[in-house]
PDB file of N, CA and C in Angstrom:
ATOM      1  N   MET A   1      43.636 -47.102  38.959  1.00  0.00           N
ATOM      2  CA  MET A   1      42.533 -46.437  38.331  1.00  0.00           C
ATOM      3  C   MET A   1      42.872 -44.952  38.218  1.00  0.00           C
ATOM      4  N   ILE A   2      42.458 -44.353  37.127  1.00  0.00           N
ATOM      5  CA  ILE A   2      42.689 -42.934  36.910  1.00  0.00           C
ATOM      6  C   ILE A   2      41.344 -42.220  37.014  1.00  0.00           C
ATOM      7  N   LEU A   3      41.269 -41.234  37.894  1.00  0.00           N
ATOM      8  CA  LEU A   3      40.059 -40.437  38.065  1.00  0.00           C
ATOM      9  C   LEU A   3      40.225 -39.115  37.324  1.00  0.00           C
ATOM     10  N   ASN A   4      39.127 -38.565  36.848  1.00  0.00           N
ATOM     11  CA  ASN A   4      39.189 -37.260  36.188  1.00  0.00           C
ATOM     12  C   ASN A   4      39.401 -36.125  37.174  1.00  0.00           C
ATOM     13  N   SER A   5      38.822 -36.259  38.377  1.00  0.00           N
ATOM     14  CA  SER A   5      38.962 -35.225  39.401  1.00  0.00           C
ATOM     15  C   SER A   5      38.565 -35.811  40.750  1.00  0.00           C
ATOM     16  N   LEU A   6      38.807 -35.027  41.787  1.00  0.00           N
ATOM     17  CA  LEU A   6      38.413 -35.462  43.127  1.00  0.00           C
ATOM     18  C   LEU A   6      36.945 -35.170  43.417  1.00  0.00           C
ATOM     19  N   ASN A   7      36.196 -34.692  42.421  1.00  0.00           N
ATOM     20  CA  ASN A   7      34.759 -34.460  42.596  1.00  0.00           C
ATOM     21  C   ASN A   7      34.006 -35.765  42.803  1.00  0.00           C
ATOM     22  N   GLN A   8      34.621 -36.879  42.424  1.00  0.00           N
ATOM     23  CA  GLN A   8      33.973 -38.188  42.515  1.00  0.00           C
ATOM     24  C   GLN A   8      34.209 -38.877  43.859  1.00  0.00           C
ATOM     25  N   VAL A   9      34.889 -38.217  44.783  1.00  0.00           N
ATOM     26  CA  VAL A   9      35.262 -38.842  46.046  1.00  0.00           C
ATOM     27  C   VAL A   9      34.705 -38.048  47.218  1.00  0.00           C
ATOM     28  N   ARG A  10      34.775 -38.653  48.390  1.00  0.00           N
ATOM     29  CA  ARG A  10      34.401 -37.961  49.633  1.00  0.00           C
ATOM     30  C   ARG A  10      35.680 -37.710  50.417  1.00  0.00           C
ATOM     31  N   ARG A  11      35.903 -36.467  50.789  1.00  0.00           N
ATOM     32  CA  ARG A  11      37.098 -36.105  51.575  1.00  0.00           C
ATOM     33  C   ARG A  11      36.821 -36.348  53.049  1.00  0.00           C
ATOM     34  N   ILE A  12      37.799 -36.949  53.741  1.00  0.00           N
ATOM     35  CA  ILE A  12      37.670 -37.239  55.169  1.00  0.00           C
ATOM     36  C   ILE A  12      39.003 -36.978  55.856  1.00  0.00           C
ATOM     37  N   VAL A  13      38.988 -37.023  57.175  1.00  0.00           N
ATOM     38  CA  VAL A  13      40.207 -36.973  57.987  1.00  0.00           C
ATOM     39  C   VAL A  13      40.262 -38.274  58.763  1.00  0.00           C
ATOM     40  N   ILE A  14      41.429 -38.907  58.773  1.00  0.00           N
ATOM     41  CA  ILE A  14      41.573 -40.185  59.466  1.00  0.00           C
ATOM     42  C   ILE A  14      42.714 -40.127  60.466  1.00  0.00           C
ATOM     43  N   LYS A  15      42.667 -41.028  61.409  1.00  0.00           N
ATOM     44  CA  LYS A  15      43.777 -41.209  62.348  1.00  0.00           C
ATOM     45  C   LYS A  15      44.382 -42.570  62.075  1.00  0.00           C
ATOM     46  N   THR A  16      45.685 -42.570  61.818  1.00  0.00           N
ATOM     47  CA  THR A  16      46.404 -43.814  61.574  1.00  0.00           C
ATOM     48  C   THR A  16      47.520 -43.941  62.591  1.00  0.00           C
ATOM     49  N   ILE A  17      48.259 -45.013  62.497  1.00  0.00           N
ATOM     50  CA  ILE A  17      49.402 -45.183  63.391  1.00  0.00           C
ATOM     51  C   ILE A  17      50.469 -44.127  63.118  1.00  0.00           C
ATOM     52  N   PHE A  18      50.354 -43.418  61.993  1.00  0.00           N
ATOM     53  CA  PHE A  18      51.313 -42.370  61.634  1.00  0.00           C
ATOM     54  C   PHE A  18      50.834 -40.982  62.043  1.00  0.00           C
ATOM     55  N   GLY A  19      49.583 -40.855  62.515  1.00  0.00           N
ATOM     56  CA  GLY A  19      49.036 -39.566  62.910  1.00  0.00           C
ATOM     57  C   GLY A  19      47.750 -39.250  62.161  1.00  0.00           C
ATOM     58  N   THR A  20      47.313 -38.001  62.253  1.00  0.00           N
ATOM     59  CA  THR A  20      46.106 -37.550  61.576  1.00  0.00           C
ATOM     60  C   THR A  20      46.450 -37.172  60.144  1.00  0.00           C
ATOM     61  N   GLU A  21      45.637 -37.643  59.192  1.00  0.00           N
ATOM     62  CA  GLU A  21      45.916 -37.400  57.782  1.00  0.00           C
ATOM     63  C   GLU A  21      44.638 -37.074  57.034  1.00  0.00           C
ATOM     64  N   LYS A  22      44.777 -36.230  56.001  1.00  0.00           N
ATOM     65  CA  LYS A  22      43.665 -36.000  55.081  1.00  0.00           C
ATOM     66  C   LYS A  22      43.595 -37.192  54.150  1.00  0.00           C
ATOM     67  N   ALA A  23      42.380 -37.626  53.863  1.00  0.00           N
ATOM     68  CA  ALA A  23      42.192 -38.807  53.029  1.00  0.00           C
ATOM     69  C   ALA A  23      40.953 -38.618  52.166  1.00  0.00           C
ATOM     70  N   ILE A  24      40.747 -39.565  51.274  1.00  0.00           N
ATOM     71  CA  ILE A  24      39.543 -39.590  50.460  1.00  0.00           C
ATOM     72  C   ILE A  24      38.953 -40.995  50.512  1.00  0.00           C
ATOM     73  N   MET A  25      37.636 -41.071  50.327  1.00  0.00           N
ATOM     74  CA  MET A  25      36.962 -42.362  50.217  1.00  0.00           C
ATOM     75  C   MET A  25      36.479 -42.519  48.791  1.00  0.00           C
ATOM     76  N   TYR A  26      36.739 -43.691  48.234  1.00  0.00           N
ATOM     77  CA  TYR A  26      36.281 -44.004  46.880  1.00  0.00           C
ATOM     78  C   TYR A  26      36.047 -45.501  46.808  1.00  0.00           C
ATOM     79  N   LEU A  27      34.883 -45.903  46.372  1.00  0.00           N
ATOM     80  CA  LEU A  27      34.509 -47.314  46.266  1.00  0.00           C
ATOM     81  C   LEU A  27      34.740 -48.069  47.581  1.00  0.00           C
ATOM     82  N   ASP A  28      34.336 -47.433  48.676  1.00  0.00           N
ATOM     83  CA  ASP A  28      34.431 -48.025  50.021  1.00  0.00           C
ATOM     84  C   ASP A  28      35.853 -48.293  50.481  1.00  0.00           C
ATOM     85  N   LYS A  29      36.830 -47.638  49.880  1.00  0.00           N
ATOM     86  CA  LYS A  29      38.224 -47.735  50.327  1.00  0.00           C
ATOM     87  C   LYS A  29      38.699 -46.349  50.729  1.00  0.00           C
ATOM     88  N   ILE A  30      39.640 -46.304  51.656  1.00  0.00           N
ATOM     89  CA  ILE A  30      40.224 -45.044  52.102  1.00  0.00           C
ATOM     90  C   ILE A  30      41.615 -44.920  51.494  1.00  0.00           C
ATOM     91  N   PHE A  31      41.874 -43.754  50.892  1.00  0.00           N
ATOM     92  CA  PHE A  31      43.139 -43.487  50.217  1.00  0.00           C
ATOM     93  C   PHE A  31      43.808 -42.251  50.811  1.00  0.00           C
ATOM     94  N   VAL A  32      45.141 -42.263  50.852  1.00  0.00           N
ATOM     95  CA  VAL A  32      45.920 -41.081  51.228  1.00  0.00           C
ATOM     96  C   VAL A  32      46.863 -40.749  50.086  1.00  0.00           C
ATOM     97  N   ALA A  33      47.160 -39.448  49.955  1.00  0.00           N
ATOM     98  CA  ALA A  33      48.086 -39.000  48.913  1.00  0.00           C
ATOM     99  C   ALA A  33      49.474 -39.534  49.221  1.00  0.00           C
ATOM    100  N   ASP A  34      50.134 -40.040  48.195  1.00  0.00           N
ATOM    101  CA  ASP A  34      51.459 -40.631  48.391  1.00  0.00           C
ATOM    102  C   ASP A  34      52.541 -39.821  47.677  1.00  0.00           C
ATOM    103  N   LYS A  35      52.445 -39.695  46.375  1.00  0.00           N
ATOM    104  CA  LYS A  35      53.487 -39.033  45.593  1.00  0.00           C
ATOM    105  C   LYS A  35      52.865 -38.189  44.498  1.00  0.00           C
ATOM    106  N   PHE A  36      53.652 -37.230  44.005  1.00  0.00           N
ATOM    107  CA  PHE A  36      53.228 -36.363  42.921  1.00  0.00           C
ATOM    108  C   PHE A  36      54.205 -36.508  41.759  1.00  0.00           C
ATOM    109  N   TYR A  37      53.668 -36.448  40.538  1.00  0.00           N
ATOM    110  CA  TYR A  37      54.477 -36.606  39.331  1.00  0.00           C
ATOM    111  C   TYR A  37      54.100 -35.533  38.319  1.00  0.00           C
ATOM    112  N   ASN A  38      55.029 -35.237  37.416  1.00  0.00           N
ATOM    113  CA  ASN A  38      54.810 -34.204  36.402  1.00  0.00           C
ATOM    114  C   ASN A  38      53.983 -34.676  35.220  1.00  0.00           C
ATOM    115  N   SER A  39      53.915 -35.979  34.986  1.00  0.00           N
ATOM    116  CA  SER A  39      53.147 -36.489  33.844  1.00  0.00           C
ATOM    117  C   SER A  39      52.408 -37.760  34.247  1.00  0.00           C
ATOM    118  N   LEU A  40      51.394 -38.084  33.454  1.00  0.00           N
ATOM    119  CA  LEU A  40      50.629 -39.302  33.710  1.00  0.00           C
ATOM    120  C   LEU A  40      51.512 -40.533  33.562  1.00  0.00           C
ATOM    121  N   ASN A  41      52.364 -40.548  32.555  1.00  0.00           N
ATOM    122  CA  ASN A  41      53.259 -41.705  32.366  1.00  0.00           C
ATOM    123  C   ASN A  41      54.178 -41.903  33.563  1.00  0.00           C
ATOM    124  N   GLU A  42      54.720 -40.815  34.111  1.00  0.00           N
ATOM    125  CA  GLU A  42      55.575 -40.924  35.305  1.00  0.00           C
ATOM    126  C   GLU A  42      54.776 -41.474  36.483  1.00  0.00           C
ATOM    127  N   ALA A  43      53.530 -41.008  36.641  1.00  0.00           N
ATOM    128  CA  ALA A  43      52.690 -41.482  37.748  1.00  0.00           C
ATOM    129  C   ALA A  43      52.405 -42.970  37.615  1.00  0.00           C
ATOM    130  N   ILE A  44      52.101 -43.415  36.398  1.00  0.00           N
ATOM    131  CA  ILE A  44      51.832 -44.839  36.170  1.00  0.00           C
ATOM    132  C   ILE A  44      53.067 -45.664  36.477  1.00  0.00           C
ATOM    133  N   LEU A  45      54.220 -45.235  35.990  1.00  0.00           N
ATOM    134  CA  LEU A  45      55.466 -45.955  36.270  1.00  0.00           C
ATOM    135  C   LEU A  45      55.811 -45.908  37.755  1.00  0.00           C
ATOM    136  N   GLY A  46      55.538 -44.762  38.398  1.00  0.00           N
ATOM    137  CA  GLY A  46      55.874 -44.584  39.803  1.00  0.00           C
ATOM    138  C   GLY A  46      55.071 -45.450  40.756  1.00  0.00           C
ATOM    139  N   CYS A  47      53.880 -45.858  40.353  1.00  0.00           N
ATOM    140  CA  CYS A  47      53.065 -46.681  41.251  1.00  0.00           C
ATOM    141  C   CYS A  47      53.016 -48.138  40.806  1.00  0.00           C
ATOM    142  N   ARG A  48      53.813 -48.506  39.841  1.00  0.00           N
ATOM    143  CA  ARG A  48      53.824 -49.876  39.308  1.00  0.00           C
ATOM    144  C   ARG A  48      54.098 -50.901  40.414  1.00  0.00           C
ATOM    145  N   GLY A  49      55.023 -50.617  41.305  1.00  0.00           N
ATOM    146  CA  GLY A  49      55.358 -51.551  42.384  1.00  0.00           C
ATOM    147  C   GLY A  49      54.181 -51.819  43.300  1.00  0.00           C
ATOM    148  N   GLU A  50      53.454 -50.765  43.662  1.00  0.00           N
ATOM    149  CA  GLU A  50      52.285 -50.924  44.526  1.00  0.00           C
ATOM    150  C   GLU A  50      51.195 -51.733  43.826  1.00  0.00           C
ATOM    151  N   VAL A  51      50.997 -51.464  42.541  1.00  0.00           N
ATOM    152  CA  VAL A  51      49.993 -52.206  41.775  1.00  0.00           C
ATOM    153  C   VAL A  51      50.385 -53.677  41.684  1.00  0.00           C
ATOM    154  N   ASP A  52      51.668 -53.941  41.439  1.00  0.00           N
ATOM    155  CA  ASP A  52      52.145 -55.322  41.363  1.00  0.00           C
ATOM    156  C   ASP A  52      51.953 -56.071  42.678  1.00  0.00           C
ATOM    157  N   LEU A  53      51.954 -55.337  43.796  1.00  0.00           N
ATOM    158  CA  LEU A  53      51.723 -55.947  45.109  1.00  0.00           C
ATOM    159  C   LEU A  53      50.233 -56.111  45.409  1.00  0.00           C
ATOM    160  N   GLY A  54      49.385 -55.659  44.498  1.00  0.00           N
ATOM    161  CA  GLY A  54      47.942 -55.809  44.676  1.00  0.00           C
ATOM    162  C   GLY A  54      47.285 -54.673  45.426  1.00  0.00           C
ATOM    163  N   MET A  55      47.997 -53.587  45.639  1.00  0.00           N
ATOM    164  CA  MET A  55      47.428 -52.454  46.356  1.00  0.00           C
ATOM    165  C   MET A  55      46.495 -51.668  45.442  1.00  0.00           C
ATOM    166  N   ALA A  56      45.448 -51.095  46.017  1.00  0.00           N
ATOM    167  CA  ALA A  56      44.554 -50.221  45.269  1.00  0.00           C
ATOM    168  C   ALA A  56      45.216 -48.852  45.145  1.00  0.00           C
ATOM    169  N   VAL A  57      45.248 -48.327  43.931  1.00  0.00           N
ATOM    170  CA  VAL A  57      45.916 -47.061  43.633  1.00  0.00           C
ATOM    171  C   VAL A  57      44.998 -46.205  42.774  1.00  0.00           C
ATOM    172  N   LEU A  58      44.945 -44.919  43.096  1.00  0.00           N
ATOM    173  CA  LEU A  58      44.238 -43.944  42.265  1.00  0.00           C
ATOM    174  C   LEU A  58      45.251 -42.927  41.755  1.00  0.00           C
ATOM    175  N   ILE A  59      45.095 -42.512  40.515  1.00  0.00           N
ATOM    176  CA  ILE A  59      45.892 -41.415  39.969  1.00  0.00           C
ATOM    177  C   ILE A  59      44.914 -40.304  39.624  1.00  0.00           C
ATOM    178  N   VAL A  60      45.170 -39.112  40.184  1.00  0.00           N
ATOM    179  CA  VAL A  60      44.252 -37.991  39.996  1.00  0.00           C
ATOM    180  C   VAL A  60      45.016 -36.802  39.412  1.00  0.00           C
ATOM    181  N   PRO A  61      44.550 -36.268  38.280  1.00  0.00           N
ATOM    182  CA  PRO A  61      45.205 -35.085  37.729  1.00  0.00           C
ATOM    183  C   PRO A  61      44.914 -33.854  38.582  1.00  0.00           C
ATOM    184  N   GLU A  62      45.942 -33.051  38.790  1.00  0.00           N
ATOM    185  CA  GLU A  62      45.812 -31.772  39.472  1.00  0.00           C
ATOM    186  C   GLU A  62      46.420 -30.720  38.551  1.00  0.00           C
ATOM    187  N   VAL A  63      46.432 -29.493  38.971  1.00  0.00           N
ATOM    188  CA  VAL A  63      47.027 -28.442  38.148  1.00  0.00           C
ATOM    189  C   VAL A  63      48.527 -28.719  37.994  1.00  0.00           C
ATOM    190  N   ASN A  64      48.950 -28.984  36.772  1.00  0.00           N
ATOM    191  CA  ASN A  64      50.366 -29.174  36.419  1.00  0.00           C
ATOM    192  C   ASN A  64      51.035 -30.388  37.049  1.00  0.00           C
ATOM    193  N   ARG A  65      50.261 -31.346  37.587  1.00  0.00           N
ATOM    194  CA  ARG A  65      50.868 -32.554  38.153  1.00  0.00           C
ATOM    195  C   ARG A  65      49.808 -33.644  38.316  1.00  0.00           C
ATOM    196  N   PHE A  66      50.270 -34.834  38.659  1.00  0.00           N
ATOM    197  CA  PHE A  66      49.390 -35.984  38.906  1.00  0.00           C
ATOM    198  C   PHE A  66      49.712 -36.527  40.290  1.00  0.00           C
ATOM    199  N   CYS A  67      48.666 -36.792  41.072  1.00  0.00           N
ATOM    200  CA  CYS A  67      48.843 -37.302  42.428  1.00  0.00           C
ATOM    201  C   CYS A  67      48.477 -38.783  42.471  1.00  0.00           C
ATOM    202  N   VAL A  68      49.332 -39.568  43.094  1.00  0.00           N
ATOM    203  CA  VAL A  68      49.058 -40.987  43.314  1.00  0.00           C
ATOM    204  C   VAL A  68      48.541 -41.136  44.745  1.00  0.00           C
ATOM    205  N   TRP A  69      47.358 -41.733  44.869  1.00  0.00           N
ATOM    206  CA  TRP A  69      46.724 -41.999  46.159  1.00  0.00           C
ATOM    207  C   TRP A  69      46.753 -43.502  46.405  1.00  0.00           C
ATOM    208  N   LEU A  70      47.192 -43.914  47.591  1.00  0.00           N
ATOM    209  CA  LEU A  70      47.266 -45.324  47.951  1.00  0.00           C
ATOM    210  C   LEU A  70      46.179 -45.687  48.954  1.00  0.00           C
ATOM    211  N   ALA A  71      45.587 -46.854  48.783  1.00  0.00           N
ATOM    212  CA  ALA A  71      44.601 -47.348  49.754  1.00  0.00           C
ATOM    213  C   ALA A  71      45.311 -47.685  51.055  1.00  0.00           C
ATOM    214  N   ILE A  72      44.674 -47.340  52.156  1.00  0.00           N
ATOM    215  CA  ILE A  72      45.216 -47.607  53.489  1.00  0.00           C
ATOM    216  C   ILE A  72      44.629 -48.919  53.999  1.00  0.00           C
ATOM    217  N   PRO A  73      45.479 -49.880  54.373  1.00  0.00           N
ATOM    218  CA  PRO A  73      44.945 -51.116  54.973  1.00  0.00           C
ATOM    219  C   PRO A  73      44.235 -50.798  56.292  1.00  0.00           C
ATOM    220  N   GLU A  74      43.150 -51.494  56.555  1.00  0.00           N
ATOM    221  CA  GLU A  74      42.373 -51.241  57.774  1.00  0.00           C
ATOM    222  C   GLU A  74      43.206 -51.383  59.040  1.00  0.00           C
ATOM    223  N   GLU A  75      44.240 -52.202  58.993  1.00  0.00           N
ATOM    224  CA  GLU A  75      45.084 -52.404  60.175  1.00  0.00           C
ATOM    225  C   GLU A  75      45.801 -51.124  60.605  1.00  0.00           C
ATOM    226  N   LEU A  76      45.976 -50.180  59.678  1.00  0.00           N
ATOM    227  CA  LEU A  76      46.667 -48.923  59.998  1.00  0.00           C
ATOM    228  C   LEU A  76      45.734 -47.847  60.520  1.00  0.00           C
ATOM    229  N   LEU A  77      44.418 -48.050  60.377  1.00  0.00           N
ATOM    230  CA  LEU A  77      43.445 -47.067  60.836  1.00  0.00           C
ATOM    231  C   LEU A  77      43.195 -47.203  62.324  1.00  0.00           C
ATOM    232  N   LEU A  78      43.223 -46.071  63.007  1.00  0.00           N
ATOM    233  CA  LEU A  78      42.911 -46.071  64.428  1.00  0.00           C
ATOM    234  C   LEU A  78      41.490 -45.590  64.660  1.00  0.00           C
ATOM    235  N   GLU A  79      41.104 -44.543  63.957  1.00  0.00           N
ATOM    236  CA  GLU A  79      39.794 -43.935  64.196  1.00  0.00           C
ATOM    237  C   GLU A  79      39.378 -43.097  62.994  1.00  0.00           C
ATOM    238  N   PRO A  80      38.741 -43.694  62.004  1.00  0.00           N
ATOM    239  CA  PRO A  80      38.289 -42.877  60.874  1.00  0.00           C
ATOM    240  C   PRO A  80      37.217 -41.898  61.312  1.00  0.00           C
ATOM    241  N   SER A  81      37.240 -40.704  60.746  1.00  0.00           N
ATOM    242  CA  SER A  81      36.223 -39.716  61.079  1.00  0.00           C
ATOM    243  C   SER A  81      35.914 -38.867  59.862  1.00  0.00           C
ATOM    244  N   ASN A  82      34.822 -38.127  59.911  1.00  0.00           N
ATOM    245  CA  ASN A  82      34.410 -37.257  58.798  1.00  0.00           C
ATOM    246  C   ASN A  82      34.752 -35.831  59.108  1.00  0.00           C
TER     247      ASN A  82
END
């Protein structure tokens, strides 16, 4: 899914097995930033593998780049917090 901006999400901080991370909540899913791309087409191609695996993916435009956010499986969450 492509979002127009992060104004549509809630920003949170989560604890995962990898440590504390900034995340966003959208449609009852928690996402973390994964990769950045210079164009929308690159971002779409760059996350094709995750989409093919059935993962929830958001692409959000930022100044001069596009960020791909991946949904975090609940098994990786240790302690979500606001």
